[in-house]
Amino acid sequence: MDNILYKNIIATITYYDVLDYPLTSFEVWKHLIRYSGDSSKELWSLTDVIEALDSPVVREYIVQKNGIYFLFGRDKLVSLRQKREYISFVKMRKLKRIVSILRISPFVRMICVTGRLSYYNCDDDSDLDVLVVYKYGHIWTGRFFLTVFTHLLGVRRYGDKTSDRICLNYHITTESLCVPTQDIFAAHEYTFIIPIFDTGYFSQFCNKNTWIQNFKPHHTCFRIIHTLTMFDNVVTKNIRLFFEMILSDKAMEKRLQNFQQKKIDKNPNTNKEGALILCSDKHLVFLPKPHGPKVFEEYKRRFESLELNF
């Protein structure tokens, strides 16, 4: 068996160890990442991965319990995953109820769950991360009213109000479906993404984000209609179109852009070291403390500490 595959398997389990998320054999194959020394373009079958997981070389570093794989000494992750799956199931039901109302918000075309909820790894105090797609040319108006609606519903995350609150930190448009943040953490995020509300853009989103395969070579987008996905009905669509008819003026978009841009510029998080803030007519991204760099550094430390001897 190829040593490169062994190292990629251990690298994958190590990366998800940082996220406290042990993997099944199928998940190891599906989310396989390339360790830094792998410059090949090779793909492996699920059978290859299952055989490699059972090899003495890999078993020197990896443990299996109840069909779930993790690093030595991390047995607690198995029960933790089960606990978090139940918590996340409850939160997902809450999010779906919320989104069933938010889909009337003007210019919204898709709302997807991302973050820890998308792979059912939430704690009790976790928020609800979403990626929102708006009709091109109306991202500022769309964000403004979606923020207002979530606030009126009492579900907007702000300050120390986090648990079961929607985090509106990632906004794109129908003409900019390729996400601007493209690293290993983003690849992880968008392999688990679930469209909760879709007006027909999720397949296009998949087509625009094939860059994920640079980090996860076995990634294929889930194009079959997800059981959690809601679509328009006559009532919600007509309400949204009514709002859009009133708010479609370009001058309105410009005024709301100026208003929000001033608030963004004054926000102390905007100028924090390491913050990732993108503001344009195509992307509105607000990550004052991006998780990606921290996760990657910890992954490198844990992977190197294994001192692989092959």
C-alpha atoms as a PDB file:
ATOM      1  CA  MET A   1       0.000   0.000   0.000  1.00  0.00           C
ATOM      2  CA  ASP A   2       1.206   3.514  -0.839  1.00  0.00           C
ATOM      3  CA  ASN A   3       2.884   5.420   2.022  1.00  0.00           C
ATOM      4  CA  ILE A   4       1.373   8.609   0.599  1.00  0.00           C
ATOM      5  CA  LEU A   5      -2.109   7.243   1.247  1.00  0.00           C
ATOM      6  CA  TYR A   6      -1.119   6.260   4.796  1.00  0.00           C
ATOM      7  CA  LYS A   7       0.101   9.778   5.487  1.00  0.00           C
ATOM      8  CA  ASN A   8      -2.967  11.378   3.920  1.00  0.00           C
ATOM      9  CA  ILE A   9      -5.241   9.231   6.077  1.00  0.00           C
ATOM     10  CA  ILE A  10      -3.363  10.125   9.249  1.00  0.00           C
ATOM     11  CA  ALA A  11      -3.300  13.798   8.196  1.00  0.00           C
ATOM     12  CA  THR A  12      -7.069  13.737   7.646  1.00  0.00           C
ATOM     13  CA  ILE A  13      -7.848  12.155  10.997  1.00  0.00           C
ATOM     14  CA  THR A  14      -5.436  14.576  12.666  1.00  0.00           C
ATOM     15  CA  TYR A  15      -7.075  17.610  11.037  1.00  0.00           C
ATOM     16  CA  TYR A  16     -10.501  16.529  12.223  1.00  0.00           C
ATOM     17  CA  ASP A  17      -9.044  15.702  15.622  1.00  0.00           C
ATOM     18  CA  VAL A  18      -8.420  19.438  16.007  1.00  0.00           C
ATOM     19  CA  LEU A  19     -12.132  19.917  15.374  1.00  0.00           C
ATOM     20  CA  ASP A  20     -12.992  17.178  17.908  1.00  0.00           C
ATOM     21  CA  TYR A  21     -14.629  15.175  15.147  1.00  0.00           C
ATOM     22  CA  PRO A  22     -13.656  11.502  14.702  1.00  0.00           C
ATOM     23  CA  LEU A  23     -14.435   9.937  11.339  1.00  0.00           C
ATOM     24  CA  THR A  24     -15.941   6.762   9.917  1.00  0.00           C
ATOM     25  CA  SER A  25     -14.022   4.954   7.173  1.00  0.00           C
ATOM     26  CA  PHE A  26     -16.346   6.428   4.536  1.00  0.00           C
ATOM     27  CA  GLU A  27     -15.802   9.934   5.950  1.00  0.00           C
ATOM     28  CA  VAL A  28     -12.029   9.444   5.920  1.00  0.00           C
ATOM     29  CA  TRP A  29     -12.272   8.606   2.217  1.00  0.00           C
ATOM     30  CA  LYS A  30     -14.729  11.391   1.399  1.00  0.00           C
ATOM     31  CA  HIS A  31     -12.864  14.116   3.309  1.00  0.00           C
ATOM     32  CA  LEU A  32      -9.340  12.872   2.605  1.00  0.00           C
ATOM     33  CA  ILE A  33      -6.858  15.752   2.551  1.00  0.00           C
ATOM     34  CA  ARG A  34      -3.331  15.792   1.169  1.00  0.00           C
ATOM     35  CA  TYR A  35      -0.551  16.239   3.705  1.00  0.00           C
ATOM     36  CA  SER A  36       1.924  18.999   2.850  1.00  0.00           C
ATOM     37  CA  GLY A  37       4.435  16.626   1.242  1.00  0.00           C
ATOM     38  CA  ASP A  38       1.944  15.113  -1.202  1.00  0.00           C
ATOM     39  CA  SER A  39       2.243  16.722  -4.628  1.00  0.00           C
ATOM     40  CA  SER A  40       0.606  13.842  -6.484  1.00  0.00           C
ATOM     41  CA  LYS A  41      -2.768  13.958  -8.197  1.00  0.00           C
ATOM     42  CA  GLU A  42      -3.612  10.399  -7.249  1.00  0.00           C
ATOM     43  CA  LEU A  43      -7.135   9.392  -6.205  1.00  0.00           C
ATOM     44  CA  TRP A  44      -7.979   6.362  -4.108  1.00  0.00           C
ATOM     45  CA  SER A  45     -11.027   4.153  -3.887  1.00  0.00           C
ATOM     46  CA  LEU A  46     -13.043   3.589  -0.728  1.00  0.00           C
ATOM     47  CA  THR A  47     -11.647   0.043  -0.685  1.00  0.00           C
ATOM     48  CA  ASP A  48      -8.085   1.421  -0.753  1.00  0.00           C
ATOM     49  CA  VAL A  49      -8.840   3.629   2.256  1.00  0.00           C
ATOM     50  CA  ILE A  50     -10.556   0.860   4.241  1.00  0.00           C
ATOM     51  CA  GLU A  51      -7.600  -1.484   3.643  1.00  0.00           C
ATOM     52  CA  ALA A  52      -5.140   1.241   4.614  1.00  0.00           C
ATOM     53  CA  LEU A  53      -7.056   1.982   7.822  1.00  0.00           C
ATOM     54  CA  ASP A  54      -6.612  -1.661   8.844  1.00  0.00           C
ATOM     55  CA  SER A  55      -2.911  -1.773   8.018  1.00  0.00           C
ATOM     56  CA  PRO A  56      -0.331  -2.070  10.859  1.00  0.00           C
ATOM     57  CA  VAL A  57       1.358   1.109   9.606  1.00  0.00           C
ATOM     58  CA  VAL A  58      -1.729   3.269  10.171  1.00  0.00           C
ATOM     59  CA  ARG A  59      -2.855   1.386  13.289  1.00  0.00           C
ATOM     60  CA  GLU A  60       0.370   2.476  14.988  1.00  0.00           C
ATOM     61  CA  TYR A  61      -1.137   5.984  15.160  1.00  0.00           C
ATOM     62  CA  ILE A  62      -4.893   5.520  14.745  1.00  0.00           C
ATOM     63  CA  VAL A  63      -7.495   3.757  16.908  1.00  0.00           C
ATOM     64  CA  GLN A  64     -10.901   2.419  15.860  1.00  0.00           C
ATOM     65  CA  LYS A  65     -13.942   2.103  18.111  1.00  0.00           C
ATOM     66  CA  ASN A  66     -17.486   1.324  16.961  1.00  0.00           C
ATOM     67  CA  GLY A  67     -16.462   1.995  13.367  1.00  0.00           C
ATOM     68  CA  ILE A  68     -15.045   5.452  14.170  1.00  0.00           C
ATOM     69  CA  TYR A  69     -11.361   6.377  13.803  1.00  0.00           C
ATOM     70  CA  PHE A  70      -9.356   8.783  15.952  1.00  0.00           C
ATOM     71  CA  LEU A  71      -5.859   9.412  17.314  1.00  0.00           C
ATOM     72  CA  PHE A  72      -4.505   7.473  20.288  1.00  0.00           C
ATOM     73  CA  GLY A  73      -5.781   8.809  23.589  1.00  0.00           C
ATOM     74  CA  ARG A  74      -8.824  10.502  22.063  1.00  0.00           C
ATOM     75  CA  ASP A  75     -11.433   7.835  22.894  1.00  0.00           C
ATOM     76  CA  LYS A  76     -13.721  10.453  24.446  1.00  0.00           C
ATOM     77  CA  LEU A  77     -14.415  11.858  20.963  1.00  0.00           C
ATOM     78  CA  VAL A  78     -16.693   8.923  20.159  1.00  0.00           C
ATOM     79  CA  SER A  79     -19.209   9.720  22.909  1.00  0.00           C
ATOM     80  CA  LEU A  80     -18.708  13.449  22.333  1.00  0.00           C
ATOM     81  CA  ARG A  81     -19.672  13.053  18.693  1.00  0.00           C
ATOM     82  CA  GLN A  82     -22.856  11.219  19.689  1.00  0.00           C
ATOM     83  CA  LYS A  83     -23.760  13.922  22.199  1.00  0.00           C
ATOM     84  CA  ARG A  84     -23.114  16.722  19.732  1.00  0.00           C
ATOM     85  CA  GLU A  85     -25.114  15.010  16.997  1.00  0.00           C
ATOM     86  CA  TYR A  86     -28.212  15.111  19.204  1.00  0.00           C
ATOM     87  CA  ILE A  87     -27.625  18.759  20.155  1.00  0.00           C
ATOM     88  CA  SER A  88     -27.112  19.636  16.487  1.00  0.00           C
ATOM     89  CA  PHE A  89     -30.260  17.775  15.424  1.00  0.00           C
ATOM     90  CA  VAL A  90     -32.313  19.981  17.767  1.00  0.00           C
ATOM     91  CA  LYS A  91     -30.564  23.123  16.552  1.00  0.00           C
ATOM     92  CA  MET A  92     -31.115  22.170  12.914  1.00  0.00           C
ATOM     93  CA  ARG A  93     -34.848  21.895  13.518  1.00  0.00           C
ATOM     94  CA  LYS A  94     -34.798  25.374  15.071  1.00  0.00           C
ATOM     95  CA  LEU A  95     -32.841  26.784  12.151  1.00  0.00           C
ATOM     96  CA  LYS A  96     -35.242  25.298   9.630  1.00  0.00           C
ATOM     97  CA  ARG A  97     -38.201  26.926  11.408  1.00  0.00           C
ATOM     98  CA  ILE A  98     -36.397  30.263  11.388  1.00  0.00           C
ATOM     99  CA  VAL A  99     -35.429  30.022   7.714  1.00  0.00           C
ATOM    100  CA  SER A 100     -39.001  29.122   6.781  1.00  0.00           C
ATOM    101  CA  ILE A 101     -39.807  32.713   7.798  1.00  0.00           C
ATOM    102  CA  LEU A 102     -36.603  34.382   6.575  1.00  0.00           C
ATOM    103  CA  ARG A 103     -37.158  33.168   3.006  1.00  0.00           C
ATOM    104  CA  ILE A 104     -39.617  36.062   2.563  1.00  0.00           C
ATOM    105  CA  SER A 105     -36.731  38.509   3.049  1.00  0.00           C
ATOM    106  CA  PRO A 106     -36.172  40.601  -0.101  1.00  0.00           C
ATOM    107  CA  PHE A 107     -33.563  39.491  -2.653  1.00  0.00           C
ATOM    108  CA  VAL A 108     -32.638  36.321  -0.734  1.00  0.00           C
ATOM    109  CA  ARG A 109     -32.084  33.449  -3.164  1.00  0.00           C
ATOM    110  CA  MET A 110     -30.441  30.813  -0.985  1.00  0.00           C
ATOM    111  CA  ILE A 111     -29.623  30.233   2.685  1.00  0.00           C
ATOM    112  CA  CYS A 112     -27.157  27.465   3.546  1.00  0.00           C
ATOM    113  CA  VAL A 113     -26.052  26.165   6.919  1.00  0.00           C
ATOM    114  CA  THR A 114     -22.275  26.099   7.416  1.00  0.00           C
ATOM    115  CA  GLY A 115     -19.957  25.851  10.403  1.00  0.00           C
ATOM    116  CA  ARG A 116     -20.263  23.239  13.126  1.00  0.00           C
ATOM    117  CA  LEU A 117     -23.978  22.748  12.636  1.00  0.00           C
ATOM    118  CA  SER A 118     -23.506  21.599   9.028  1.00  0.00           C
ATOM    119  CA  TYR A 119     -21.562  18.534  10.216  1.00  0.00           C
ATOM    120  CA  TYR A 120     -23.565  18.071  13.433  1.00  0.00           C
ATOM    121  CA  ASN A 121     -20.764  18.999  15.821  1.00  0.00           C
ATOM    122  CA  CYS A 122     -22.422  21.704  17.966  1.00  0.00           C
ATOM    123  CA  ASP A 123     -22.240  22.358  21.687  1.00  0.00           C
ATOM    124  CA  ASP A 124     -25.196  23.754  23.631  1.00  0.00           C
ATOM    125  CA  ASP A 125     -23.932  27.337  23.282  1.00  0.00           C
ATOM    126  CA  SER A 126     -23.090  27.120  19.548  1.00  0.00           C
ATOM    127  CA  ASP A 127     -24.556  29.677  17.160  1.00  0.00           C
ATOM    128  CA  LEU A 128     -26.066  28.967  13.747  1.00  0.00           C
ATOM    129  CA  ASP A 129     -23.688  29.878  10.920  1.00  0.00           C
ATOM    130  CA  VAL A 130     -25.228  30.514   7.525  1.00  0.00           C
ATOM    131  CA  LEU A 131     -24.110  31.548   4.070  1.00  0.00           C
ATOM    132  CA  VAL A 132     -26.649  33.749   2.271  1.00  0.00           C
ATOM    133  CA  VAL A 133     -26.964  34.290  -1.484  1.00  0.00           C
ATOM    134  CA  TYR A 134     -28.734  37.415  -2.764  1.00  0.00           C
ATOM    135  CA  LYS A 135     -29.884  38.552  -6.166  1.00  0.00           C
ATOM    136  CA  TYR A 136     -26.955  40.317  -7.832  1.00  0.00           C
ATOM    137  CA  GLY A 137     -27.110  44.092  -7.492  1.00  0.00           C
ATOM    138  CA  HIS A 138     -28.990  43.985  -4.188  1.00  0.00           C
ATOM    139  CA  ILE A 139     -26.568  42.506  -1.661  1.00  0.00           C
ATOM    140  CA  TRP A 140     -26.589  45.577   0.601  1.00  0.00           C
ATOM    141  CA  THR A 141     -30.370  45.878   0.607  1.00  0.00           C
ATOM    142  CA  GLY A 142     -30.738  42.143   1.095  1.00  0.00           C
ATOM    143  CA  ARG A 143     -28.307  42.050   4.015  1.00  0.00           C
ATOM    144  CA  PHE A 144     -29.925  45.053   5.687  1.00  0.00           C
ATOM    145  CA  PHE A 145     -33.427  43.609   5.688  1.00  0.00           C
ATOM    146  CA  LEU A 146     -32.320  40.085   6.558  1.00  0.00           C
ATOM    147  CA  THR A 147     -30.501  41.535   9.574  1.00  0.00           C
ATOM    148  CA  VAL A 148     -33.624  43.478  10.550  1.00  0.00           C
ATOM    149  CA  PHE A 149     -35.838  40.405  10.226  1.00  0.00           C
ATOM    150  CA  THR A 150     -33.526  38.196  12.304  1.00  0.00           C
ATOM    151  CA  HIS A 151     -33.342  40.910  14.962  1.00  0.00           C
ATOM    152  CA  LEU A 152     -37.128  41.285  15.101  1.00  0.00           C
ATOM    153  CA  LEU A 153     -37.453  37.511  15.440  1.00  0.00           C
ATOM    154  CA  GLY A 154     -34.972  37.593  18.313  1.00  0.00           C
ATOM    155  CA  VAL A 155     -32.571  35.207  16.588  1.00  0.00           C
ATOM    156  CA  ARG A 156     -29.712  37.482  15.457  1.00  0.00           C
ATOM    157  CA  ARG A 157     -26.321  36.835  16.995  1.00  0.00           C
ATOM    158  CA  TYR A 158     -24.690  39.888  18.543  1.00  0.00           C
ATOM    159  CA  GLY A 159     -22.645  40.672  21.627  1.00  0.00           C
ATOM    160  CA  ASP A 160     -22.772  37.750  24.058  1.00  0.00           C
ATOM    161  CA  LYS A 161     -26.033  36.440  22.609  1.00  0.00           C
ATOM    162  CA  THR A 162     -24.822  33.400  20.691  1.00  0.00           C
ATOM    163  CA  SER A 163     -26.681  30.182  21.508  1.00  0.00           C
ATOM    164  CA  ASP A 164     -29.188  29.281  18.779  1.00  0.00           C
ATOM    165  CA  ARG A 165     -28.661  32.710  17.199  1.00  0.00           C
ATOM    166  CA  ILE A 166     -28.066  33.145  13.474  1.00  0.00           C
ATOM    167  CA  CYS A 167     -24.590  34.403  12.584  1.00  0.00           C
ATOM    168  CA  LEU A 168     -24.865  36.485   9.411  1.00  0.00           C
ATOM    169  CA  ASN A 169     -21.187  36.684   8.545  1.00  0.00           C
ATOM    170  CA  TYR A 170     -21.026  35.434   4.944  1.00  0.00           C
ATOM    171  CA  HIS A 171     -22.959  36.983   2.061  1.00  0.00           C
ATOM    172  CA  ILE A 172     -22.500  36.462  -1.682  1.00  0.00           C
ATOM    173  CA  THR A 173     -24.587  37.044  -4.812  1.00  0.00           C
ATOM    174  CA  THR A 174     -26.022  35.030  -7.674  1.00  0.00           C
ATOM    175  CA  GLU A 175     -23.207  36.383  -9.880  1.00  0.00           C
ATOM    176  CA  SER A 176     -20.418  35.643  -7.374  1.00  0.00           C
ATOM    177  CA  LEU A 177     -21.123  32.120  -6.174  1.00  0.00           C
ATOM    178  CA  CYS A 178     -17.444  31.217  -5.956  1.00  0.00           C
ATOM    179  CA  VAL A 179     -16.546  31.947  -2.332  1.00  0.00           C
ATOM    180  CA  PRO A 180     -13.606  34.344  -1.883  1.00  0.00           C
ATOM    181  CA  THR A 181     -12.019  32.466   1.026  1.00  0.00           C
ATOM    182  CA  GLN A 182     -10.278  29.431  -0.446  1.00  0.00           C
ATOM    183  CA  ASP A 183      -8.115  27.501   1.997  1.00  0.00           C
ATOM    184  CA  ILE A 184      -8.217  24.104   3.672  1.00  0.00           C
ATOM    185  CA  PHE A 185     -10.619  25.307   6.370  1.00  0.00           C
ATOM    186  CA  ALA A 186     -12.986  26.759   3.781  1.00  0.00           C
ATOM    187  CA  ALA A 187     -12.757  23.481   1.858  1.00  0.00           C
ATOM    188  CA  HIS A 188     -13.809  21.712   5.036  1.00  0.00           C
ATOM    189  CA  GLU A 189     -16.689  24.170   5.566  1.00  0.00           C
ATOM    190  CA  TYR A 190     -18.104  23.867   2.068  1.00  0.00           C
ATOM    191  CA  THR A 191     -17.918  20.096   1.793  1.00  0.00           C
ATOM    192  CA  PHE A 192     -20.485  19.963   4.587  1.00  0.00           C
ATOM    193  CA  ILE A 193     -22.667  22.887   3.443  1.00  0.00           C
ATOM    194  CA  ILE A 194     -26.422  22.211   3.370  1.00  0.00           C
ATOM    195  CA  PRO A 195     -28.937  24.381   1.484  1.00  0.00           C
ATOM    196  CA  ILE A 196     -31.810  25.039   3.894  1.00  0.00           C
ATOM    197  CA  PHE A 197     -33.602  27.319   1.438  1.00  0.00           C
ATOM    198  CA  ASP A 198     -32.882  27.304  -2.294  1.00  0.00           C
ATOM    199  CA  THR A 199     -34.455  28.908  -5.354  1.00  0.00           C
ATOM    200  CA  GLY A 200     -32.301  26.889  -7.736  1.00  0.00           C
ATOM    201  CA  TYR A 201     -28.747  28.096  -7.096  1.00  0.00           C
ATOM    202  CA  PHE A 202     -27.139  25.281  -5.113  1.00  0.00           C
ATOM    203  CA  SER A 203     -26.095  23.310  -8.181  1.00  0.00           C
ATOM    204  CA  GLN A 204     -24.503  26.465  -9.607  1.00  0.00           C
ATOM    205  CA  PHE A 205     -22.743  27.009  -6.277  1.00  0.00           C
ATOM    206  CA  CYS A 206     -21.258  23.512  -6.584  1.00  0.00           C
ATOM    207  CA  ASN A 207     -20.070  24.206 -10.138  1.00  0.00           C
ATOM    208  CA  LYS A 208     -18.333  27.419  -9.065  1.00  0.00           C
ATOM    209  CA  ASN A 209     -16.479  25.903  -6.105  1.00  0.00           C
ATOM    210  CA  THR A 210     -14.627  22.969  -7.622  1.00  0.00           C
ATOM    211  CA  TRP A 211     -11.437  24.511  -6.116  1.00  0.00           C
ATOM    212  CA  ILE A 212     -12.327  22.437  -3.030  1.00  0.00           C
ATOM    213  CA  GLN A 213     -10.873  19.412  -4.821  1.00  0.00           C
ATOM    214  CA  ASN A 214      -7.418  21.032  -4.576  1.00  0.00           C
ATOM    215  CA  PHE A 215      -7.627  20.321  -0.839  1.00  0.00           C
ATOM    216  CA  LYS A 216     -10.054  17.400  -0.794  1.00  0.00           C
ATOM    217  CA  PRO A 217      -9.504  15.390  -3.981  1.00  0.00           C
ATOM    218  CA  HIS A 218     -12.464  13.062  -3.383  1.00  0.00           C
ATOM    219  CA  HIS A 219     -14.969  15.871  -2.878  1.00  0.00           C
ATOM    220  CA  THR A 220     -18.152  15.801  -4.911  1.00  0.00           C
ATOM    221  CA  CYS A 221     -20.963  18.232  -4.241  1.00  0.00           C
ATOM    222  CA  PHE A 222     -24.227  16.828  -2.925  1.00  0.00           C
ATOM    223  CA  ARG A 223     -26.469  17.701  -5.868  1.00  0.00           C
ATOM    224  CA  ILE A 224     -29.451  15.529  -4.981  1.00  0.00           C
ATOM    225  CA  ILE A 225     -32.182  17.531  -3.249  1.00  0.00           C
ATOM    226  CA  HIS A 226     -31.409  17.449   0.455  1.00  0.00           C
ATOM    227  CA  THR A 227     -34.146  16.340   2.836  1.00  0.00           C
ATOM    228  CA  LEU A 228     -33.673  19.566   4.826  1.00  0.00           C
ATOM    229  CA  THR A 229     -33.989  21.879   1.827  1.00  0.00           C
ATOM    230  CA  MET A 230     -37.062  24.105   1.575  1.00  0.00           C
ATOM    231  CA  PHE A 231     -38.242  25.791  -1.586  1.00  0.00           C
ATOM    232  CA  ASP A 232     -40.645  28.591  -2.384  1.00  0.00           C
ATOM    233  CA  ASN A 233     -44.364  28.256  -2.086  1.00  0.00           C
ATOM    234  CA  VAL A 234     -46.807  30.713  -3.614  1.00  0.00           C
ATOM    235  CA  VAL A 235     -47.190  32.720  -0.413  1.00  0.00           C
ATOM    236  CA  THR A 236     -43.506  33.122   0.505  1.00  0.00           C
ATOM    237  CA  LYS A 237     -42.475  33.876  -3.070  1.00  0.00           C
ATOM    238  CA  ASN A 238     -45.158  36.528  -3.555  1.00  0.00           C
ATOM    239  CA  ILE A 239     -44.343  38.223  -0.249  1.00  0.00           C
ATOM    240  CA  ARG A 240     -40.653  38.367  -1.164  1.00  0.00           C
ATOM    241  CA  LEU A 241     -41.397  39.661  -4.660  1.00  0.00           C
ATOM    242  CA  PHE A 242     -43.685  42.324  -3.183  1.00  0.00           C
ATOM    243  CA  PHE A 243     -40.849  43.555  -0.960  1.00  0.00           C
ATOM    244  CA  GLU A 244     -38.474  43.475  -3.913  1.00  0.00           C
ATOM    245  CA  MET A 245     -40.817  45.515  -6.089  1.00  0.00           C
ATOM    246  CA  ILE A 246     -40.806  48.253  -3.455  1.00  0.00           C
ATOM    247  CA  LEU A 247     -37.074  48.088  -2.699  1.00  0.00           C
ATOM    248  CA  SER A 248     -35.551  47.489  -6.138  1.00  0.00           C
ATOM    249  CA  ASP A 249     -34.530  51.129  -6.662  1.00  0.00           C
ATOM    250  CA  LYS A 250     -30.756  51.436  -7.233  1.00  0.00           C
ATOM    251  CA  ALA A 251     -30.737  54.585  -5.127  1.00  0.00           C
ATOM    252  CA  MET A 252     -32.027  52.522  -2.203  1.00  0.00           C
ATOM    253  CA  GLU A 253     -29.180  50.049  -2.664  1.00  0.00           C
ATOM    254  CA  LYS A 254     -26.656  52.899  -2.684  1.00  0.00           C
ATOM    255  CA  ARG A 255     -28.095  54.542   0.433  1.00  0.00           C
ATOM    256  CA  LEU A 256     -28.094  51.266   2.354  1.00  0.00           C
ATOM    257  CA  GLN A 257     -24.549  50.566   1.172  1.00  0.00           C
ATOM    258  CA  ASN A 258     -23.342  53.920   2.490  1.00  0.00           C
ATOM    259  CA  PHE A 259     -25.180  53.418   5.782  1.00  0.00           C
ATOM    260  CA  GLN A 260     -23.789  49.942   6.374  1.00  0.00           C
ATOM    261  CA  GLN A 261     -20.285  50.804   5.166  1.00  0.00           C
ATOM    262  CA  LYS A 262     -20.050  53.572   7.766  1.00  0.00           C
ATOM    263  CA  LYS A 263     -21.076  51.158  10.515  1.00  0.00           C
ATOM    264  CA  ILE A 264     -18.560  48.583   9.296  1.00  0.00           C
ATOM    265  CA  ASP A 265     -15.758  51.158   9.226  1.00  0.00           C
ATOM    266  CA  LYS A 266     -16.560  52.230  12.796  1.00  0.00           C
ATOM    267  CA  ASN A 267     -16.744  48.674  14.126  1.00  0.00           C
ATOM    268  CA  PRO A 268     -13.587  47.938  16.179  1.00  0.00           C
ATOM    269  CA  ASN A 269     -13.540  44.364  14.854  1.00  0.00           C
ATOM    270  CA  THR A 270     -12.935  45.670  11.322  1.00  0.00           C
ATOM    271  CA  ASN A 271      -9.379  46.742  12.054  1.00  0.00           C
ATOM    272  CA  LYS A 272      -8.401  43.904  14.372  1.00  0.00           C
ATOM    273  CA  GLU A 273      -5.173  42.134  13.489  1.00  0.00           C
ATOM    274  CA  GLY A 274      -5.962  38.937  11.632  1.00  0.00           C
ATOM    275  CA  ALA A 275      -9.557  39.911  10.894  1.00  0.00           C
ATOM    276  CA  LEU A 276     -10.963  39.028   7.475  1.00  0.00           C
ATOM    277  CA  ILE A 277     -13.441  41.664   6.326  1.00  0.00           C
ATOM    278  CA  LEU A 278     -14.505  41.846   2.670  1.00  0.00           C
ATOM    279  CA  CYS A 279     -16.979  44.461   1.487  1.00  0.00           C
ATOM    280  CA  SER A 280     -18.060  44.801  -2.134  1.00  0.00           C
ATOM    281  CA  ASP A 281     -21.090  44.470  -4.370  1.00  0.00           C
ATOM    282  CA  LYS A 282     -20.244  40.767  -4.717  1.00  0.00           C
ATOM    283  CA  HIS A 283     -19.100  39.671  -1.255  1.00  0.00           C
ATOM    284  CA  LEU A 284     -19.764  40.735   2.313  1.00  0.00           C
ATOM    285  CA  VAL A 285     -17.629  38.622   4.645  1.00  0.00           C
ATOM    286  CA  PHE A 286     -17.180  39.395   8.340  1.00  0.00           C
ATOM    287  CA  LEU A 287     -14.730  37.137  10.154  1.00  0.00           C
ATOM    288  CA  PRO A 288     -13.142  39.125  13.007  1.00  0.00           C
ATOM    289  CA  LYS A 289     -11.533  35.932  14.333  1.00  0.00           C
ATOM    290  CA  PRO A 290     -11.143  33.483  11.428  1.00  0.00           C
ATOM    291  CA  HIS A 291     -10.906  29.904  12.697  1.00  0.00           C
ATOM    292  CA  GLY A 292      -8.944  28.623   9.710  1.00  0.00           C
ATOM    293  CA  PRO A 293      -5.402  29.805  10.562  1.00  0.00           C
ATOM    294  CA  LYS A 294      -5.664  28.677  14.192  1.00  0.00           C
ATOM    295  CA  VAL A 295      -7.008  25.250  13.217  1.00  0.00           C
ATOM    296  CA  PHE A 296      -4.293  24.812  10.575  1.00  0.00           C
ATOM    297  CA  GLU A 297      -1.474  25.703  12.971  1.00  0.00           C
ATOM    298  CA  GLU A 298      -2.769  23.260  15.566  1.00  0.00           C
ATOM    299  CA  TYR A 299      -3.184  20.585  12.894  1.00  0.00           C
ATOM    300  CA  LYS A 300       0.455  21.044  11.804  1.00  0.00           C
ATOM    301  CA  ARG A 301       1.637  20.827  15.407  1.00  0.00           C
ATOM    302  CA  ARG A 302      -0.293  17.603  16.083  1.00  0.00           C
ATOM    303  CA  PHE A 303       0.688  16.009  12.788  1.00  0.00           C
ATOM    304  CA  GLU A 304       4.376  16.769  13.272  1.00  0.00           C
ATOM    305  CA  SER A 305       4.267  15.536  16.866  1.00  0.00           C
ATOM    306  CA  LEU A 306       3.277  12.083  15.595  1.00  0.00           C
ATOM    307  CA  GLU A 307       6.791  11.771  14.094  1.00  0.00           C
ATOM    308  CA  LEU A 308       5.717   9.347  11.384  1.00  0.00           C
ATOM    309  CA  ASN A 309       8.450   6.743  10.816  1.00  0.00           C
ATOM    310  CA  PHE A 310       7.603   5.713   7.257  1.00  0.00           C
END
